[in-house]
Amino acid sequence: VDITNKEAVYATAQTVLADIGPVSILINNAGVVNGKTLINSCDTKIENTLNVNVVSHFWTIKAFLPSMTARNHGHIIGIASQLGFIGAAGLVDYCCSKFAALALVDSLRDELWISKHDGVHCTCVCPFLIDTGLFQGVTIRPEDAAKSIIDGIRRNKQYVTLPKLLYFGAILKSLLPVRALNELLTFIGMHDAMKTFQGHRY
């Protein structure tokens, strides 16, 4: 299914709901990365990054959330990123999509709370970089990420951050002056992370 095609998503969801029944867990995990500076990124790839990484989440959530709220039971998981807290050179479009994915889950959680659907949970997963092929070499092992994500779902965590130390990333961004933050990111290798980027062609 082309998740950027809302009609295809809605049609597939109707088939799933009819043939299998209500869906209890929705994990929005699809992602692409361009890996080029903004000025060197073609328009098509920018649009595709945003459509796959965040706009598609709207379609899948709209397709499956009604059956969850009807039963007041379900869990929606959005795979965002640490790059949804702090931007990075060479990843402008990707970071924008992850900032938006994080905001989507946070805002949806608030809507569910206000509408008293306390049995439908939302978890936002914010890893550094998972070695899925998008970011070869730079990264957290997929099996370690999967264990933490499953634990977060079982415990209804609002956020799962990998590694846990990076919980402090958003706090540091709020506290440190821009120059100090840039020096810190340089020190930990963030500004060099994309120099060895390979990823998948798309």
N, C-alpha and C. Protein backbone atom coordinates (compact mmCIF):
# COMPACT_ATOMS: atom_id res chain seq x y z
N VAL A 1 0.84 -1.19 0.00
CA VAL A 1 0.00 0.00 0.00
C VAL A 1 0.88 1.24 0.00
N ASP A 2 0.57 2.18 -0.86
CA ASP A 2 1.26 3.47 -0.87
C ASP A 2 0.65 4.32 0.23
N ILE A 3 1.34 4.45 1.35
CA ILE A 3 0.78 5.14 2.50
C ILE A 3 0.62 6.63 2.29
N THR A 4 1.19 7.16 1.21
CA THR A 4 1.00 8.57 0.91
C THR A 4 -0.30 8.80 0.12
N ASN A 5 -0.93 7.72 -0.28
CA ASN A 5 -2.19 7.79 -1.02
C ASN A 5 -3.34 7.52 -0.05
N LYS A 6 -4.01 8.57 0.37
CA LYS A 6 -5.02 8.40 1.42
C LYS A 6 -6.17 7.49 1.00
N GLU A 7 -6.56 7.55 -0.27
CA GLU A 7 -7.64 6.67 -0.73
C GLU A 7 -7.24 5.20 -0.60
N ALA A 8 -5.98 4.90 -0.93
CA ALA A 8 -5.49 3.52 -0.81
C ALA A 8 -5.43 3.09 0.65
N VAL A 9 -5.01 4.00 1.52
CA VAL A 9 -4.94 3.70 2.96
C VAL A 9 -6.34 3.43 3.50
N TYR A 10 -7.29 4.30 3.16
CA TYR A 10 -8.65 4.13 3.66
C TYR A 10 -9.27 2.82 3.15
N ALA A 11 -9.03 2.50 1.88
CA ALA A 11 -9.59 1.28 1.31
C ALA A 11 -9.00 0.04 1.99
N THR A 12 -7.68 0.06 2.21
CA THR A 12 -7.03 -1.07 2.87
C THR A 12 -7.52 -1.22 4.30
N ALA A 13 -7.70 -0.10 4.98
CA ALA A 13 -8.19 -0.13 6.37
C ALA A 13 -9.58 -0.75 6.42
N GLN A 14 -10.44 -0.39 5.48
CA GLN A 14 -11.79 -0.96 5.46
C GLN A 14 -11.74 -2.48 5.25
N THR A 15 -10.83 -2.93 4.40
CA THR A 15 -10.67 -4.37 4.17
C THR A 15 -10.19 -5.07 5.44
N VAL A 16 -9.22 -4.47 6.11
CA VAL A 16 -8.69 -5.05 7.35
C VAL A 16 -9.78 -5.12 8.41
N LEU A 17 -10.51 -4.03 8.59
CA LEU A 17 -11.56 -3.98 9.61
C LEU A 17 -12.67 -4.99 9.31
N ALA A 18 -12.97 -5.18 8.02
CA ALA A 18 -14.03 -6.12 7.64
C ALA A 18 -13.59 -7.57 7.77
N ASP A 19 -12.34 -7.84 7.35
CA ASP A 19 -11.87 -9.23 7.31
C ASP A 19 -11.29 -9.71 8.63
N ILE A 20 -10.65 -8.81 9.37
CA ILE A 20 -9.95 -9.21 10.59
C ILE A 20 -10.63 -8.69 11.85
N GLY A 21 -11.15 -7.48 11.76
CA GLY A 21 -11.80 -6.88 12.93
C GLY A 21 -11.04 -5.66 13.40
N PRO A 22 -11.46 -5.09 14.53
CA PRO A 22 -10.85 -3.87 15.03
C PRO A 22 -9.34 -4.02 15.27
N VAL A 23 -8.61 -2.97 14.98
CA VAL A 23 -7.17 -2.94 15.19
C VAL A 23 -6.89 -2.27 16.54
N SER A 24 -6.07 -2.91 17.35
CA SER A 24 -5.78 -2.38 18.69
C SER A 24 -4.48 -1.59 18.74
N ILE A 25 -3.54 -1.92 17.86
CA ILE A 25 -2.24 -1.24 17.88
C ILE A 25 -1.90 -0.77 16.47
N LEU A 26 -1.62 0.52 16.35
CA LEU A 26 -1.19 1.10 15.08
C LEU A 26 0.20 1.70 15.28
N ILE A 27 1.17 1.20 14.51
CA ILE A 27 2.54 1.73 14.58
C ILE A 27 2.87 2.41 13.27
N ASN A 28 3.03 3.71 13.32
CA ASN A 28 3.43 4.49 12.15
C ASN A 28 4.95 4.53 12.09
N ASN A 29 5.51 3.66 11.27
CA ASN A 29 6.95 3.43 11.28
C ASN A 29 7.64 3.73 9.95
N ALA A 30 6.87 3.91 8.89
CA ALA A 30 7.50 4.13 7.58
C ALA A 30 8.32 5.41 7.59
N GLY A 31 9.45 5.37 6.92
CA GLY A 31 10.28 6.57 6.88
C GLY A 31 11.26 6.55 5.72
N VAL A 32 11.56 7.74 5.22
CA VAL A 32 12.59 7.91 4.21
C VAL A 32 13.47 9.08 4.62
N VAL A 33 14.68 9.09 4.10
CA VAL A 33 15.59 10.21 4.38
C VAL A 33 16.29 10.59 3.09
N ASN A 34 16.38 11.88 2.89
CA ASN A 34 17.02 12.43 1.70
C ASN A 34 18.53 12.57 1.93
N GLY A 35 18.90 13.16 3.06
CA GLY A 35 20.32 13.22 3.44
C GLY A 35 21.13 14.27 2.71
N LYS A 36 20.47 15.30 2.18
CA LYS A 36 21.19 16.38 1.51
C LYS A 36 20.82 17.71 2.12
N THR A 37 21.68 18.70 1.94
CA THR A 37 21.36 20.03 2.43
C THR A 37 20.11 20.54 1.72
N LEU A 38 19.45 21.49 2.34
CA LEU A 38 18.20 21.99 1.79
C LEU A 38 18.38 22.49 0.36
N ILE A 39 19.41 23.25 0.11
CA ILE A 39 19.58 23.85 -1.21
C ILE A 39 19.91 22.82 -2.28
N ASN A 40 20.43 21.66 -1.86
CA ASN A 40 20.78 20.60 -2.81
C ASN A 40 19.71 19.51 -2.90
N SER A 41 18.59 19.72 -2.24
CA SER A 41 17.51 18.73 -2.24
C SER A 41 16.51 19.05 -3.34
N CYS A 42 16.16 18.06 -4.12
CA CYS A 42 15.16 18.30 -5.17
C CYS A 42 13.77 18.37 -4.53
N ASP A 43 12.90 19.12 -5.14
CA ASP A 43 11.57 19.36 -4.58
C ASP A 43 10.80 18.05 -4.37
N THR A 44 10.93 17.14 -5.31
CA THR A 44 10.19 15.88 -5.23
C THR A 44 10.57 15.09 -3.99
N LYS A 45 11.86 15.07 -3.68
CA LYS A 45 12.31 14.30 -2.51
C LYS A 45 11.92 14.98 -1.21
N ILE A 46 11.89 16.30 -1.20
CA ILE A 46 11.41 17.00 -0.01
C ILE A 46 9.94 16.65 0.24
N GLU A 47 9.14 16.73 -0.81
CA GLU A 47 7.72 16.41 -0.68
C GLU A 47 7.52 14.96 -0.25
N ASN A 48 8.30 14.05 -0.82
CA ASN A 48 8.16 12.64 -0.47
C ASN A 48 8.54 12.39 0.99
N THR A 49 9.60 13.05 1.46
CA THR A 49 10.01 12.89 2.85
C THR A 49 8.89 13.30 3.80
N LEU A 50 8.29 14.44 3.53
CA LEU A 50 7.21 14.92 4.40
C LEU A 50 5.97 14.04 4.27
N ASN A 51 5.64 13.61 3.07
CA ASN A 51 4.46 12.78 2.87
C ASN A 51 4.57 11.41 3.53
N VAL A 52 5.74 10.78 3.41
CA VAL A 52 5.94 9.46 4.01
C VAL A 52 6.10 9.56 5.52
N ASN A 53 6.91 10.51 5.98
CA ASN A 53 7.30 10.55 7.39
C ASN A 53 6.26 11.13 8.32
N VAL A 54 5.34 11.95 7.79
CA VAL A 54 4.35 12.52 8.71
C VAL A 54 2.95 12.63 8.11
N VAL A 55 2.80 13.07 6.88
CA VAL A 55 1.44 13.25 6.34
C VAL A 55 0.69 11.92 6.30
N SER A 56 1.40 10.84 5.99
CA SER A 56 0.77 9.52 5.95
C SER A 56 0.20 9.12 7.31
N HIS A 57 0.79 9.64 8.40
CA HIS A 57 0.30 9.33 9.74
C HIS A 57 -1.15 9.80 9.91
N PHE A 58 -1.47 10.94 9.30
CA PHE A 58 -2.83 11.44 9.39
C PHE A 58 -3.81 10.44 8.77
N TRP A 59 -3.43 9.88 7.63
CA TRP A 59 -4.34 8.97 6.94
C TRP A 59 -4.51 7.66 7.71
N THR A 60 -3.42 7.10 8.22
CA THR A 60 -3.54 5.83 8.95
C THR A 60 -4.30 6.03 10.27
N ILE A 61 -4.05 7.14 10.94
CA ILE A 61 -4.75 7.40 12.20
C ILE A 61 -6.24 7.61 11.94
N LYS A 62 -6.57 8.41 10.93
CA LYS A 62 -7.98 8.64 10.62
C LYS A 62 -8.68 7.34 10.21
N ALA A 63 -7.92 6.42 9.63
CA ALA A 63 -8.50 5.16 9.19
C ALA A 63 -8.82 4.22 10.36
N PHE A 64 -7.95 4.21 11.38
CA PHE A 64 -8.11 3.21 12.44
C PHE A 64 -8.54 3.77 13.80
N LEU A 65 -8.39 5.07 14.01
CA LEU A 65 -8.75 5.63 15.32
C LEU A 65 -10.24 5.48 15.65
N PRO A 66 -11.17 5.68 14.71
CA PRO A 66 -12.58 5.57 15.08
C PRO A 66 -12.97 4.24 15.73
N SER A 67 -12.39 3.14 15.24
CA SER A 67 -12.71 1.84 15.84
C SER A 67 -12.10 1.71 17.23
N MET A 68 -11.00 2.43 17.47
CA MET A 68 -10.39 2.42 18.81
C MET A 68 -11.23 3.23 19.79
N THR A 69 -11.64 4.43 19.37
CA THR A 69 -12.42 5.27 20.28
C THR A 69 -13.80 4.67 20.54
N ALA A 70 -14.35 3.97 19.56
CA ALA A 70 -15.65 3.33 19.75
C ALA A 70 -15.60 2.30 20.88
N ARG A 71 -14.44 1.65 21.02
CA ARG A 71 -14.27 0.64 22.07
C ARG A 71 -13.50 1.18 23.27
N ASN A 72 -13.02 2.43 23.13
CA ASN A 72 -12.14 3.03 24.14
C ASN A 72 -10.99 2.10 24.47
N HIS A 73 -10.39 1.58 23.40
CA HIS A 73 -9.28 0.64 23.57
C HIS A 73 -8.38 0.71 22.34
N GLY A 74 -7.10 0.94 22.58
CA GLY A 74 -6.16 0.96 21.47
C GLY A 74 -4.88 1.70 21.82
N HIS A 75 -3.94 1.64 20.91
CA HIS A 75 -2.65 2.28 21.14
C HIS A 75 -2.08 2.73 19.80
N ILE A 76 -1.74 4.00 19.73
CA ILE A 76 -1.13 4.56 18.52
C ILE A 76 0.30 4.93 18.82
N ILE A 77 1.21 4.42 18.00
CA ILE A 77 2.64 4.67 18.21
C ILE A 77 3.19 5.41 17.00
N GLY A 78 3.83 6.52 17.26
CA GLY A 78 4.47 7.28 16.20
C GLY A 78 5.98 7.19 16.34
N ILE A 79 6.64 6.74 15.30
CA ILE A 79 8.10 6.69 15.33
C ILE A 79 8.62 8.04 14.85
N ALA A 80 9.09 8.82 15.81
CA ALA A 80 9.67 10.14 15.50
C ALA A 80 11.18 9.99 15.54
N SER A 81 11.86 10.85 16.29
CA SER A 81 13.32 10.80 16.32
C SER A 81 13.83 11.82 17.32
N GLN A 82 15.06 11.62 17.77
CA GLN A 82 15.72 12.69 18.52
C GLN A 82 15.84 13.94 17.65
N LEU A 83 15.83 13.73 16.34
CA LEU A 83 15.90 14.85 15.41
C LEU A 83 14.54 15.54 15.29
N GLY A 84 13.59 15.15 16.12
CA GLY A 84 12.35 15.88 16.27
C GLY A 84 12.44 16.88 17.40
N PHE A 85 13.57 16.86 18.11
CA PHE A 85 13.84 17.84 19.17
C PHE A 85 14.90 18.85 18.75
N ILE A 86 15.92 18.34 18.06
CA ILE A 86 17.06 19.18 17.68
C ILE A 86 17.35 18.98 16.20
N GLY A 87 17.39 20.05 15.45
CA GLY A 87 17.65 19.97 14.02
C GLY A 87 19.09 19.58 13.72
N ALA A 88 19.33 19.17 12.47
CA ALA A 88 20.67 18.75 12.08
C ALA A 88 20.92 19.11 10.62
N ALA A 89 22.15 19.55 10.35
CA ALA A 89 22.54 19.89 8.98
C ALA A 89 22.45 18.67 8.09
N GLY A 90 22.01 18.87 6.85
CA GLY A 90 21.88 17.77 5.91
C GLY A 90 20.61 16.97 6.10
N LEU A 91 19.77 17.42 7.04
CA LEU A 91 18.54 16.69 7.35
C LEU A 91 17.38 17.64 7.58
N VAL A 92 17.38 18.75 6.90
CA VAL A 92 16.35 19.76 7.15
C VAL A 92 14.95 19.19 6.94
N ASP A 93 14.71 18.56 5.80
CA ASP A 93 13.37 18.02 5.52
C ASP A 93 13.03 16.88 6.47
N TYR A 94 14.02 16.03 6.76
CA TYR A 94 13.80 14.91 7.67
C TYR A 94 13.45 15.41 9.07
N CYS A 95 14.23 16.38 9.56
CA CYS A 95 13.97 16.92 10.90
C CYS A 95 12.60 17.56 10.98
N CYS A 96 12.22 18.30 9.93
CA CYS A 96 10.89 18.91 9.91
C CYS A 96 9.81 17.85 10.03
N SER A 97 9.98 16.74 9.32
CA SER A 97 8.98 15.68 9.37
C SER A 97 8.90 15.05 10.76
N LYS A 98 10.03 14.96 11.45
CA LYS A 98 10.05 14.34 12.77
C LYS A 98 9.55 15.29 13.85
N PHE A 99 9.85 16.60 13.71
CA PHE A 99 9.24 17.58 14.60
C PHE A 99 7.72 17.46 14.50
N ALA A 100 7.23 17.37 13.27
CA ALA A 100 5.79 17.30 13.04
C ALA A 100 5.19 15.99 13.57
N ALA A 101 5.89 14.87 13.39
CA ALA A 101 5.40 13.59 13.90
C ALA A 101 5.27 13.61 15.41
N LEU A 102 6.22 14.24 16.07
CA LEU A 102 6.17 14.38 17.53
C LEU A 102 4.98 15.25 17.94
N ALA A 103 4.79 16.36 17.25
CA ALA A 103 3.67 17.25 17.57
C ALA A 103 2.33 16.57 17.32
N LEU A 104 2.26 15.74 16.28
CA LEU A 104 1.02 15.04 15.97
C LEU A 104 0.62 14.13 17.12
N VAL A 105 1.56 13.34 17.61
CA VAL A 105 1.25 12.41 18.71
C VAL A 105 0.89 13.17 19.98
N ASP A 106 1.63 14.22 20.29
CA ASP A 106 1.33 15.02 21.49
C ASP A 106 -0.06 15.64 21.41
N SER A 107 -0.40 16.19 20.26
CA SER A 107 -1.69 16.86 20.09
C SER A 107 -2.84 15.85 20.10
N LEU A 108 -2.62 14.70 19.46
CA LEU A 108 -3.64 13.65 19.46
C LEU A 108 -3.89 13.14 20.87
N ARG A 109 -2.83 12.98 21.63
CA ARG A 109 -2.97 12.53 23.02
C ARG A 109 -3.86 13.50 23.79
N ASP A 110 -3.68 14.79 23.56
CA ASP A 110 -4.48 15.81 24.23
C ASP A 110 -5.94 15.72 23.80
N GLU A 111 -6.19 15.52 22.52
CA GLU A 111 -7.56 15.38 22.03
C GLU A 111 -8.26 14.18 22.66
N LEU A 112 -7.53 13.08 22.78
CA LEU A 112 -8.11 11.88 23.37
C LEU A 112 -8.41 12.08 24.85
N TRP A 113 -7.55 12.82 25.53
CA TRP A 113 -7.77 13.10 26.96
C TRP A 113 -9.01 13.97 27.14
N ILE A 114 -9.14 15.00 26.30
CA ILE A 114 -10.27 15.90 26.40
C ILE A 114 -11.59 15.18 26.09
N SER A 115 -11.53 14.26 25.13
CA SER A 115 -12.75 13.52 24.75
C SER A 115 -13.01 12.32 25.65
N LYS A 116 -12.17 12.17 26.69
CA LYS A 116 -12.34 11.12 27.70
C LYS A 116 -12.19 9.70 27.13
N HIS A 117 -11.34 9.56 26.12
CA HIS A 117 -11.00 8.23 25.61
C HIS A 117 -9.69 7.79 26.27
N ASP A 118 -9.76 7.55 27.57
CA ASP A 118 -8.55 7.25 28.33
C ASP A 118 -8.04 5.84 28.10
N GLY A 119 -8.77 5.05 27.33
CA GLY A 119 -8.32 3.70 27.01
C GLY A 119 -7.54 3.63 25.70
N VAL A 120 -7.45 4.77 25.01
CA VAL A 120 -6.66 4.83 23.78
C VAL A 120 -5.38 5.61 24.10
N HIS A 121 -4.26 4.93 23.99
CA HIS A 121 -2.98 5.50 24.41
C HIS A 121 -2.15 5.92 23.20
N CYS A 122 -1.25 6.86 23.45
CA CYS A 122 -0.33 7.34 22.41
C CYS A 122 1.09 7.30 22.94
N THR A 123 1.98 6.75 22.15
CA THR A 123 3.40 6.71 22.49
C THR A 123 4.21 7.28 21.34
N CYS A 124 5.10 8.18 21.66
CA CYS A 124 6.01 8.72 20.65
C CYS A 124 7.40 8.16 20.90
N VAL A 125 7.94 7.51 19.90
CA VAL A 125 9.27 6.90 20.01
C VAL A 125 10.29 7.85 19.40
N CYS A 126 11.30 8.20 20.20
CA CYS A 126 12.30 9.18 19.77
C CYS A 126 13.70 8.60 19.90
N PRO A 127 14.09 7.75 18.96
CA PRO A 127 15.44 7.19 18.98
C PRO A 127 16.44 8.17 18.38
N PHE A 128 17.73 7.89 18.57
CA PHE A 128 18.74 8.67 17.85
C PHE A 128 18.65 8.22 16.41
N LEU A 129 19.46 7.31 15.97
CA LEU A 129 19.37 6.79 14.60
C LEU A 129 19.43 5.27 14.68
N ILE A 130 18.43 4.62 14.09
CA ILE A 130 18.36 3.16 14.11
C ILE A 130 18.96 2.62 12.82
N ASP A 131 19.76 1.59 12.93
CA ASP A 131 20.47 1.04 11.77
C ASP A 131 19.52 0.18 10.92
N THR A 132 18.62 0.85 10.21
CA THR A 132 17.65 0.16 9.36
C THR A 132 18.06 0.20 7.90
N GLY A 133 19.16 0.87 7.60
CA GLY A 133 19.56 1.06 6.22
C GLY A 133 19.42 2.52 5.83
N LEU A 134 18.52 3.24 6.51
CA LEU A 134 18.40 4.67 6.26
C LEU A 134 19.67 5.38 6.73
N PHE A 135 20.16 4.96 7.90
CA PHE A 135 21.37 5.58 8.46
C PHE A 135 22.37 4.49 8.77
N GLN A 136 23.03 3.98 7.74
CA GLN A 136 23.95 2.87 7.95
C GLN A 136 25.14 3.30 8.79
N GLY A 137 25.38 2.49 9.81
CA GLY A 137 26.57 2.68 10.59
C GLY A 137 26.48 3.63 11.74
N VAL A 138 25.50 4.50 11.82
CA VAL A 138 25.55 5.66 12.75
C VAL A 138 24.76 5.30 14.00
N THR A 139 24.62 4.08 14.51
CA THR A 139 23.27 3.86 14.92
C THR A 139 23.00 2.90 16.06
N ILE A 140 21.72 2.81 16.44
CA ILE A 140 21.23 1.86 17.43
C ILE A 140 20.81 0.58 16.70
N ARG A 141 21.09 -0.57 17.32
CA ARG A 141 20.69 -1.83 16.68
C ARG A 141 19.17 -1.95 16.66
N PRO A 142 18.60 -2.41 15.55
CA PRO A 142 17.13 -2.53 15.47
C PRO A 142 16.53 -3.39 16.57
N GLU A 143 17.22 -4.48 16.92
CA GLU A 143 16.66 -5.37 17.94
C GLU A 143 16.58 -4.70 19.31
N ASP A 144 17.56 -3.83 19.62
CA ASP A 144 17.53 -3.08 20.88
C ASP A 144 16.39 -2.07 20.87
N ALA A 145 16.23 -1.41 19.73
CA ALA A 145 15.14 -0.45 19.59
C ALA A 145 13.79 -1.14 19.75
N ALA A 146 13.64 -2.31 19.11
CA ALA A 146 12.37 -3.04 19.18
C ALA A 146 12.00 -3.41 20.61
N LYS A 147 12.98 -3.86 21.39
CA LYS A 147 12.72 -4.24 22.78
C LYS A 147 12.22 -3.04 23.58
N SER A 148 12.86 -1.90 23.39
CA SER A 148 12.47 -0.71 24.14
C SER A 148 11.09 -0.21 23.71
N ILE A 149 10.81 -0.32 22.42
CA ILE A 149 9.50 0.13 21.92
C ILE A 149 8.39 -0.76 22.47
N ILE A 150 8.60 -2.07 22.46
CA ILE A 150 7.60 -3.00 22.98
C ILE A 150 7.36 -2.75 24.47
N ASP A 151 8.45 -2.51 25.20
CA ASP A 151 8.32 -2.20 26.63
C ASP A 151 7.51 -0.92 26.83
N GLY A 152 7.77 0.08 25.99
CA GLY A 152 7.04 1.34 26.10
C GLY A 152 5.56 1.18 25.82
N ILE A 153 5.22 0.32 24.85
CA ILE A 153 3.82 0.07 24.53
C ILE A 153 3.13 -0.64 25.70
N ARG A 154 3.79 -1.66 26.23
CA ARG A 154 3.20 -2.42 27.33
C ARG A 154 2.96 -1.56 28.56
N ARG A 155 3.84 -0.59 28.78
CA ARG A 155 3.74 0.27 29.97
C ARG A 155 3.02 1.58 29.68
N ASN A 156 2.49 1.72 28.48
CA ASN A 156 1.76 2.93 28.09
C ASN A 156 2.58 4.20 28.31
N LYS A 157 3.84 4.14 27.95
CA LYS A 157 4.69 5.32 28.10
C LYS A 157 4.29 6.37 27.06
N GLN A 158 4.39 7.63 27.46
CA GLN A 158 4.12 8.71 26.51
C GLN A 158 5.28 8.86 25.53
N TYR A 159 6.50 8.64 26.04
CA TYR A 159 7.69 8.77 25.20
C TYR A 159 8.64 7.61 25.44
N VAL A 160 9.26 7.17 24.37
CA VAL A 160 10.36 6.21 24.47
C VAL A 160 11.55 6.87 23.78
N THR A 161 12.60 7.13 24.55
CA THR A 161 13.78 7.79 24.00
C THR A 161 14.96 6.84 24.02
N LEU A 162 15.66 6.75 22.90
CA LEU A 162 16.80 5.83 22.77
C LEU A 162 18.03 6.59 22.27
N PRO A 163 19.14 6.51 22.95
CA PRO A 163 19.30 5.98 24.31
C PRO A 163 18.65 6.88 25.34
N LYS A 164 18.39 6.35 26.54
CA LYS A 164 17.65 7.11 27.56
C LYS A 164 18.34 8.41 27.94
N LEU A 165 19.65 8.44 27.84
CA LEU A 165 20.40 9.65 28.19
C LEU A 165 19.90 10.85 27.39
N LEU A 166 19.37 10.60 26.19
CA LEU A 166 18.95 11.70 25.33
C LEU A 166 17.62 12.31 25.74
N TYR A 167 17.03 11.81 26.84
CA TYR A 167 15.89 12.50 27.42
C TYR A 167 16.27 13.96 27.73
N PHE A 168 17.56 14.14 28.01
CA PHE A 168 18.01 15.48 28.41
C PHE A 168 18.23 16.39 27.21
N GLY A 169 18.15 15.86 25.99
CA GLY A 169 18.40 16.66 24.80
C GLY A 169 17.48 17.86 24.68
N ALA A 170 16.19 17.63 24.87
CA ALA A 170 15.22 18.72 24.75
C ALA A 170 15.42 19.74 25.86
N ILE A 171 15.81 19.25 27.04
CA ILE A 171 16.05 20.17 28.16
C ILE A 171 17.25 21.05 27.87
N LEU A 172 18.33 20.44 27.37
CA LEU A 172 19.54 21.21 27.05
C LEU A 172 19.26 22.25 25.97
N LYS A 173 18.42 21.87 25.01
CA LYS A 173 18.10 22.82 23.94
C LYS A 173 17.42 24.06 24.52
N SER A 174 16.60 23.87 25.53
CA SER A 174 15.88 24.98 26.15
C SER A 174 16.78 25.82 27.04
N LEU A 175 17.81 25.20 27.61
CA LEU A 175 18.64 25.89 28.59
C LEU A 175 19.89 26.54 28.00
N LEU A 176 20.50 25.88 27.01
CA LEU A 176 21.79 26.35 26.51
C LEU A 176 21.64 27.44 25.45
N PRO A 177 22.54 28.41 25.45
CA PRO A 177 22.59 29.36 24.32
C PRO A 177 22.89 28.60 23.03
N VAL A 178 22.49 29.15 21.90
CA VAL A 178 22.66 28.47 20.62
C VAL A 178 24.11 28.08 20.36
N ARG A 179 25.05 28.99 20.64
CA ARG A 179 26.45 28.70 20.38
C ARG A 179 26.95 27.54 21.23
N ALA A 180 26.54 27.52 22.50
CA ALA A 180 26.95 26.43 23.40
C ALA A 180 26.36 25.11 22.93
N LEU A 181 25.11 25.13 22.48
CA LEU A 181 24.47 23.91 21.98
C LEU A 181 25.20 23.41 20.74
N ASN A 182 25.57 24.32 19.84
CA ASN A 182 26.31 23.92 18.64
C ASN A 182 27.65 23.30 18.97
N GLU A 183 28.34 23.86 19.96
CA GLU A 183 29.62 23.31 20.39
C GLU A 183 29.44 21.91 20.96
N LEU A 184 28.37 21.72 21.73
CA LEU A 184 28.09 20.40 22.31
C LEU A 184 27.78 19.39 21.22
N LEU A 185 26.97 19.78 20.25
CA LEU A 185 26.62 18.87 19.16
C LEU A 185 27.84 18.50 18.32
N THR A 186 28.74 19.47 18.16
CA THR A 186 29.98 19.19 17.45
C THR A 186 30.84 18.20 18.23
N PHE A 187 30.90 18.39 19.53
CA PHE A 187 31.70 17.53 20.40
C PHE A 187 31.23 16.09 20.37
N ILE A 188 29.91 15.89 20.37
CA ILE A 188 29.40 14.51 20.39
C ILE A 188 29.31 13.90 19.00
N GLY A 189 29.70 14.67 17.98
CA GLY A 189 29.76 14.13 16.63
C GLY A 189 28.52 14.30 15.80
N MET A 190 27.55 15.06 16.31
CA MET A 190 26.30 15.22 15.58
C MET A 190 26.51 15.91 14.23
N HIS A 191 27.38 16.90 14.20
CA HIS A 191 27.58 17.66 12.97
C HIS A 191 28.37 16.88 11.91
N ASP A 192 28.97 15.78 12.33
CA ASP A 192 29.71 14.94 11.38
C ASP A 192 28.95 13.67 11.01
N ALA A 193 27.78 13.47 11.63
CA ALA A 193 27.07 12.20 11.48
C ALA A 193 26.69 11.88 10.04
N MET A 194 26.40 12.92 9.26
CA MET A 194 25.93 12.68 7.89
C MET A 194 27.07 12.59 6.87
N LYS A 195 28.31 12.77 7.31
CA LYS A 195 29.43 12.73 6.35
C LYS A 195 29.64 11.34 5.77
N THR A 196 29.24 10.33 6.51
CA THR A 196 29.38 8.95 6.03
C THR A 196 28.04 8.36 5.61
N PHE A 197 27.04 9.22 5.46
CA PHE A 197 25.69 8.76 5.12
C PHE A 197 25.67 8.02 3.79
N GLN A 198 25.01 6.86 3.80
CA GLN A 198 24.80 6.09 2.57
C GLN A 198 23.30 5.93 2.34
N GLY A 199 22.64 5.18 3.23
CA GLY A 199 21.19 5.03 3.12
C GLY A 199 20.75 4.26 1.91
N HIS A 200 19.43 4.26 1.68
CA HIS A 200 18.84 3.61 0.53
C HIS A 200 18.52 4.63 -0.55
N ARG A 201 18.62 4.21 -1.78
CA ARG A 201 18.17 5.07 -2.87
C ARG A 201 16.66 4.97 -2.98
N TYR A 202 16.02 6.10 -3.26
CA TYR A 202 14.58 6.08 -3.50
C TYR A 202 14.22 7.19 -4.46
